[in-house]
C-alpha atoms as a PDB file:
ATOM      1  CA  MET A   1     105.647  76.680 106.107  1.00  0.00           C
ATOM      2  CA  GLY A   2     108.995  77.455 104.510  1.00  0.00           C
ATOM      3  CA  TRP A   3     108.919  79.414 101.273  1.00  0.00           C
ATOM      4  CA  GLY A   4     111.945  78.041  99.594  1.00  0.00           C
ATOM      5  CA  THR A   5     115.184  78.158 101.531  1.00  0.00           C
ATOM      6  CA  PRO A   6     117.195  74.962 101.154  1.00  0.00           C
ATOM      7  CA  PRO A   7     116.505  72.313 103.784  1.00  0.00           C
ATOM      8  CA  GLY A   8     118.270  73.276 106.979  1.00  0.00           C
ATOM      9  CA  GLY A   9     119.532  76.503 105.439  1.00  0.00           C
ATOM     10  CA  HIS A  10     118.602  79.975 106.537  1.00  0.00           C
ATOM     11  CA  LEU A  11     119.938  82.988 104.707  1.00  0.00           C
ATOM     12  CA  SER A  12     123.489  83.990 105.502  1.00  0.00           C
ATOM     13  CA  PRO A  13     124.171  87.667 106.310  1.00  0.00           C
ATOM     14  CA  GLY A  14     124.749  88.254 102.594  1.00  0.00           C
ATOM     15  CA  GLY A  15     121.280  86.902 101.764  1.00  0.00           C
ATOM     16  CA  VAL A  16     122.592  83.651 100.293  1.00  0.00           C
ATOM     17  CA  PRO A  17     121.333  80.268 101.508  1.00  0.00           C
ATOM     18  CA  ALA A  18     123.868  78.895 103.998  1.00  0.00           C
ATOM     19  CA  VAL A  19     124.708  75.332 102.886  1.00  0.00           C
ATOM     20  CA  PRO A  20     127.945  73.365 102.576  1.00  0.00           C
ATOM     21  CA  ALA A  21     129.715  73.918  99.247  1.00  0.00           C
ATOM     22  CA  ALA A  22     129.718  70.197  98.332  1.00  0.00           C
ATOM     23  CA  ALA A  23     125.935  70.009  98.622  1.00  0.00           C
ATOM     24  CA  GLN A  24     125.297  73.345  96.900  1.00  0.00           C
ATOM     25  CA  PRO A  25     124.263  72.191  93.375  1.00  0.00           C
ATOM     26  CA  ARG A  26     121.885  69.502  94.649  1.00  0.00           C
ATOM     27  CA  VAL A  27     120.410  71.775  97.326  1.00  0.00           C
ATOM     28  CA  GLU A  28     120.074  74.697  94.916  1.00  0.00           C
ATOM     29  CA  LEU A  29     118.095  72.516  92.518  1.00  0.00           C
ATOM     30  CA  ALA A  30     115.840  71.260  95.333  1.00  0.00           C
ATOM     31  CA  TRP A  31     115.370  74.824  96.591  1.00  0.00           C
ATOM     32  CA  ALA A  32     114.581  76.109  93.100  1.00  0.00           C
ATOM     33  CA  MET A  33     112.000  73.381  92.545  1.00  0.00           C
ATOM     34  CA  LYS A  34     110.336  74.050  95.904  1.00  0.00           C
ATOM     35  CA  ALA A  35     110.409  77.839  95.446  1.00  0.00           C
ATOM     36  CA  HIS A  36     108.914  77.471  91.962  1.00  0.00           C
ATOM     37  CA  GLN A  37     106.176  75.208  93.336  1.00  0.00           C
ATOM     38  CA  HIS A  38     105.300  77.739  96.059  1.00  0.00           C
ATOM     39  CA  ALA A  39     105.286  80.543  93.489  1.00  0.00           C
ATOM     40  CA  GLN A  40     102.887  78.602  91.263  1.00  0.00           C
ATOM     41  CA  VAL A  41     100.588  77.800  94.189  1.00  0.00           C
ATOM     42  CA  TYR A  42     100.463  81.473  95.180  1.00  0.00           C
ATOM     43  CA  PHE A  43      99.872  82.634  91.598  1.00  0.00           C
ATOM     44  CA  ASN A  44      97.048  80.096  91.203  1.00  0.00           C
ATOM     45  CA  LEU A  45      95.581  81.318  94.489  1.00  0.00           C
ATOM     46  CA  ILE A  46      95.458  84.982  93.445  1.00  0.00           C
ATOM     47  CA  SER A  47      94.149  83.903  90.047  1.00  0.00           C
ATOM     48  CA  SER A  48      91.185  82.102  91.590  1.00  0.00           C
ATOM     49  CA  VAL A  49      90.421  83.929  94.870  1.00  0.00           C
ATOM     50  CA  GLU A  50      89.717  87.657  95.009  1.00  0.00           C
ATOM     51  CA  PRO A  51      93.038  88.979  96.371  1.00  0.00           C
ATOM     52  CA  LYS A  52      91.544  91.509  98.800  1.00  0.00           C
ATOM     53  CA  PHE A  53      90.002  88.600 100.739  1.00  0.00           C
ATOM     54  CA  LEU A  54      93.208  86.571 101.052  1.00  0.00           C
ATOM     55  CA  LYS A  55      94.815  86.180 104.448  1.00  0.00           C
ATOM     56  CA  LEU A  56      98.395  84.971 104.083  1.00  0.00           C
ATOM     57  CA  THR A  57      99.305  84.889 107.807  1.00  0.00           C
ATOM     58  CA  LYS A  58      97.705  85.380 111.213  1.00  0.00           C
ATOM     59  CA  VAL A  59      99.421  88.779 111.407  1.00  0.00           C
ATOM     60  CA  ASP A  60      98.631  90.269 107.984  1.00  0.00           C
ATOM     61  CA  GLU A  61      97.348  93.506 109.548  1.00  0.00           C
ATOM     62  CA  ARG A  62     100.560  94.045 111.528  1.00  0.00           C
ATOM     63  CA  ILE A  63     102.734  93.195 108.525  1.00  0.00           C
ATOM     64  CA  TYR A  64     100.830  95.643 106.331  1.00  0.00           C
ATOM     65  CA  GLU A  65     100.819  98.474 108.887  1.00  0.00           C
ATOM     66  CA  GLU A  66     104.532  98.135 109.661  1.00  0.00           C
ATOM     67  CA  PHE A  67     105.395  97.736 105.974  1.00  0.00           C
ATOM     68  CA  ARG A  68     103.524 100.862 104.932  1.00  0.00           C
ATOM     69  CA  GLY A  69     104.896 102.702 107.957  1.00  0.00           C
ATOM     70  CA  ALA A  70     108.467 101.897 106.923  1.00  0.00           C
ATOM     71  CA  PHE A  71     107.971 101.928 103.142  1.00  0.00           C
ATOM     72  CA  ARG A  72     105.208 104.494 102.669  1.00  0.00           C
ATOM     73  CA  ASP A  73     106.208 105.455  99.118  1.00  0.00           C
ATOM     74  CA  LEU A  74     107.393 102.090  97.801  1.00  0.00           C
ATOM     75  CA  ARG A  75     105.596 101.160  94.588  1.00  0.00           C
ATOM     76  CA  VAL A  76     104.437  97.566  94.949  1.00  0.00           C
ATOM     77  CA  ASP A  77     102.793  97.175  91.542  1.00  0.00           C
ATOM     78  CA  VAL A  78     106.132  97.245  89.702  1.00  0.00           C
ATOM     79  CA  LEU A  79     109.144  96.745  91.941  1.00  0.00           C
ATOM     80  CA  ASP A  80     112.534  98.274  91.291  1.00  0.00           C
ATOM     81  CA  PRO A  81     115.111  95.601  92.252  1.00  0.00           C
ATOM     82  CA  GLU A  82     117.295  98.358  93.712  1.00  0.00           C
ATOM     83  CA  GLU A  83     114.544  99.007  96.295  1.00  0.00           C
ATOM     84  CA  LEU A  84     115.225  95.499  97.613  1.00  0.00           C
ATOM     85  CA  LYS A  85     118.866  94.788  96.820  1.00  0.00           C
ATOM     86  CA  SER A  86     120.958  97.968  97.046  1.00  0.00           C
ATOM     87  CA  GLU A  87     123.020  98.490 100.189  1.00  0.00           C
ATOM     88  CA  ALA A  88     120.783 101.398 101.219  1.00  0.00           C
ATOM     89  CA  ALA A  89     117.673  99.272 100.674  1.00  0.00           C
ATOM     90  CA  LYS A  90     119.114  96.355 102.649  1.00  0.00           C
ATOM     91  CA  ALA A  91     119.850  98.725 105.543  1.00  0.00           C
ATOM     92  CA  LYS A  92     116.221  99.885 105.500  1.00  0.00           C
ATOM     93  CA  TRP A  93     114.749  96.378 105.078  1.00  0.00           C
ATOM     94  CA  ARG A  94     116.884  94.727 107.784  1.00  0.00           C
ATOM     95  CA  PRO A  95     115.109  96.224 110.856  1.00  0.00           C
ATOM     96  CA  PHE A  96     111.709  95.651 109.255  1.00  0.00           C
ATOM     97  CA  CYS A  97     112.492  91.993 108.584  1.00  0.00           C
ATOM     98  CA  LEU A  98     114.039  91.369 111.997  1.00  0.00           C
ATOM     99  CA  ALA A  99     110.922  92.775 113.691  1.00  0.00           C
ATOM    100  CA  PHE A 100     109.127  89.607 112.520  1.00  0.00           C
ATOM    101  CA  GLU A 101     111.612  87.105 113.926  1.00  0.00           C
ATOM    102  CA  GLY A 102     109.584  84.823 116.190  1.00  0.00           C
ATOM    103  CA  VAL A 103     106.349  86.327 114.818  1.00  0.00           C
ATOM    104  CA  VAL A 104     106.278  84.976 111.266  1.00  0.00           C
ATOM    105  CA  GLU A 105     107.498  81.422 110.804  1.00  0.00           C
ATOM    106  CA  ASP A 106     110.503  81.192 108.488  1.00  0.00           C
ATOM    107  CA  PHE A 107     110.508  84.999 108.128  1.00  0.00           C
ATOM    108  CA  ASN A 108     114.012  84.995 106.626  1.00  0.00           C
ATOM    109  CA  PHE A 109     113.677  81.986 104.326  1.00  0.00           C
ATOM    110  CA  GLY A 110     114.229  82.672 100.657  1.00  0.00           C
ATOM    111  CA  THR A 111     111.385  82.874  98.181  1.00  0.00           C
ATOM    112  CA  LEU A 112     110.553  84.204  94.747  1.00  0.00           C
ATOM    113  CA  LEU A 113     108.802  87.520  94.225  1.00  0.00           C
ATOM    114  CA  ARG A 114     107.307  88.920  91.026  1.00  0.00           C
ATOM    115  CA  LEU A 115     108.699  92.307  90.009  1.00  0.00           C
ATOM    116  CA  ASP A 116     105.605  93.335  88.010  1.00  0.00           C
ATOM    117  CA  CYS A 117     102.455  92.151  89.752  1.00  0.00           C
ATOM    118  CA  ARG A 118     100.553  91.976  86.463  1.00  0.00           C
ATOM    119  CA  GLY A 119     102.883  89.286  85.150  1.00  0.00           C
ATOM    120  CA  GLU A 120     103.489  85.660  85.925  1.00  0.00           C
ATOM    121  CA  TYR A 121     106.578  84.218  87.543  1.00  0.00           C
ATOM    122  CA  SER A 122     109.267  84.119  84.864  1.00  0.00           C
ATOM    123  CA  GLU A 123     113.020  84.529  84.756  1.00  0.00           C
ATOM    124  CA  GLU A 124     112.631  88.179  83.718  1.00  0.00           C
ATOM    125  CA  ASN A 125     109.864  88.976  86.228  1.00  0.00           C
ATOM    126  CA  THR A 126     111.200  87.278  89.353  1.00  0.00           C
ATOM    127  CA  ILE A 127     113.578  88.321  92.102  1.00  0.00           C
ATOM    128  CA  PHE A 128     114.872  86.493  95.166  1.00  0.00           C
ATOM    129  CA  ALA A 129     113.533  87.889  98.456  1.00  0.00           C
ATOM    130  CA  THR A 130     112.982  86.837 102.044  1.00  0.00           C
ATOM    131  CA  ARG A 131     109.628  85.413 103.039  1.00  0.00           C
ATOM    132  CA  ILE A 132     108.732  88.517 105.090  1.00  0.00           C
ATOM    133  CA  GLN A 133     109.500  90.766 102.100  1.00  0.00           C
ATOM    134  CA  PHE A 134     107.304  88.544  99.933  1.00  0.00           C
ATOM    135  CA  LEU A 135     104.489  88.651 102.491  1.00  0.00           C
ATOM    136  CA  ALA A 136     104.705  92.419 103.039  1.00  0.00           C
ATOM    137  CA  ILE A 137     104.686  93.205  99.331  1.00  0.00           C
ATOM    138  CA  GLU A 138     102.015  90.668  98.374  1.00  0.00           C
ATOM    139  CA  ILE A 139      99.740  91.681 101.277  1.00  0.00           C
ATOM    140  CA  ALA A 140     100.085  95.289 100.094  1.00  0.00           C
ATOM    141  CA  ARG A 141      99.418  94.257  96.487  1.00  0.00           C
ATOM    142  CA  ASN A 142      96.316  92.360  97.547  1.00  0.00           C
ATOM    143  CA  ARG A 143      94.925  95.157  99.744  1.00  0.00           C
ATOM    144  CA  GLU A 144      95.768  97.932  97.306  1.00  0.00           C
ATOM    145  CA  GLY A 145      94.194  96.185  94.301  1.00  0.00           C
ATOM    146  CA  CYS A 146      97.436  95.521  92.433  1.00  0.00           C
ATOM    147  CA  ASN A 147      96.746  91.785  92.007  1.00  0.00           C
ATOM    148  CA  ASP A 148      93.185  92.342  90.767  1.00  0.00           C
ATOM    149  CA  GLU A 149      94.234  92.120  87.103  1.00  0.00           C
ATOM    150  CA  VAL A 150      95.778  88.673  87.641  1.00  0.00           C
ATOM    151  CA  HIS A 151      92.565  87.592  89.369  1.00  0.00           C
ATOM    152  CA  ARG A 152      90.426  88.999  86.549  1.00  0.00           C
ATOM    153  CA  ARG A 153      92.507  87.197  83.910  1.00  0.00           C
ATOM    154  CA  GLY A 154      92.322  83.986  85.941  1.00  0.00           C
ATOM    155  CA  ARG A 155      88.538  84.181  86.149  1.00  0.00           C
ATOM    156  CA  GLU A 156      88.251  84.864  82.436  1.00  0.00           C
ATOM    157  CA  GLY A 157      90.535  81.921  81.712  1.00  0.00           C
ATOM    158  CA  THR A 158      88.414  79.500  83.753  1.00  0.00           C
ATOM    159  CA  ALA A 159      85.170  80.969  82.428  1.00  0.00           C
ATOM    160  CA  GLY A 160      86.242  80.724  78.811  1.00  0.00           C
END
């Protein structure tokens, strides 16, 4: 399942969807709509299902172990965009991401990621990331209890 890269477009080396310039506005809109839809589905999922029980892929354990091995001290509750986007961060993320080529479908497709796990997807609280970054960070958030507040608020919302 693709998490938001434009149809037929993987990320270019610069992390930008690779599509012809003439089709860019139309494809960007389609991508944004699809990425937003996936984000809403995921947020609804963690709002209704206890996050520690979620399994996002068949290889969640491997993703988590390799993520925490490579990014032991990375705070996942509130992300610093520089930890994902700076040149030094990209150099550290690249080998991690490439390790999942052929393992995680669409590992390098673009998706949306919440910066603060306690908040919803919004313009201020969202960053563009690859699918494997999204999975690694959200698996860690789920296992480490960071998404529990969203789940609690979701339960209270449906109960009240």
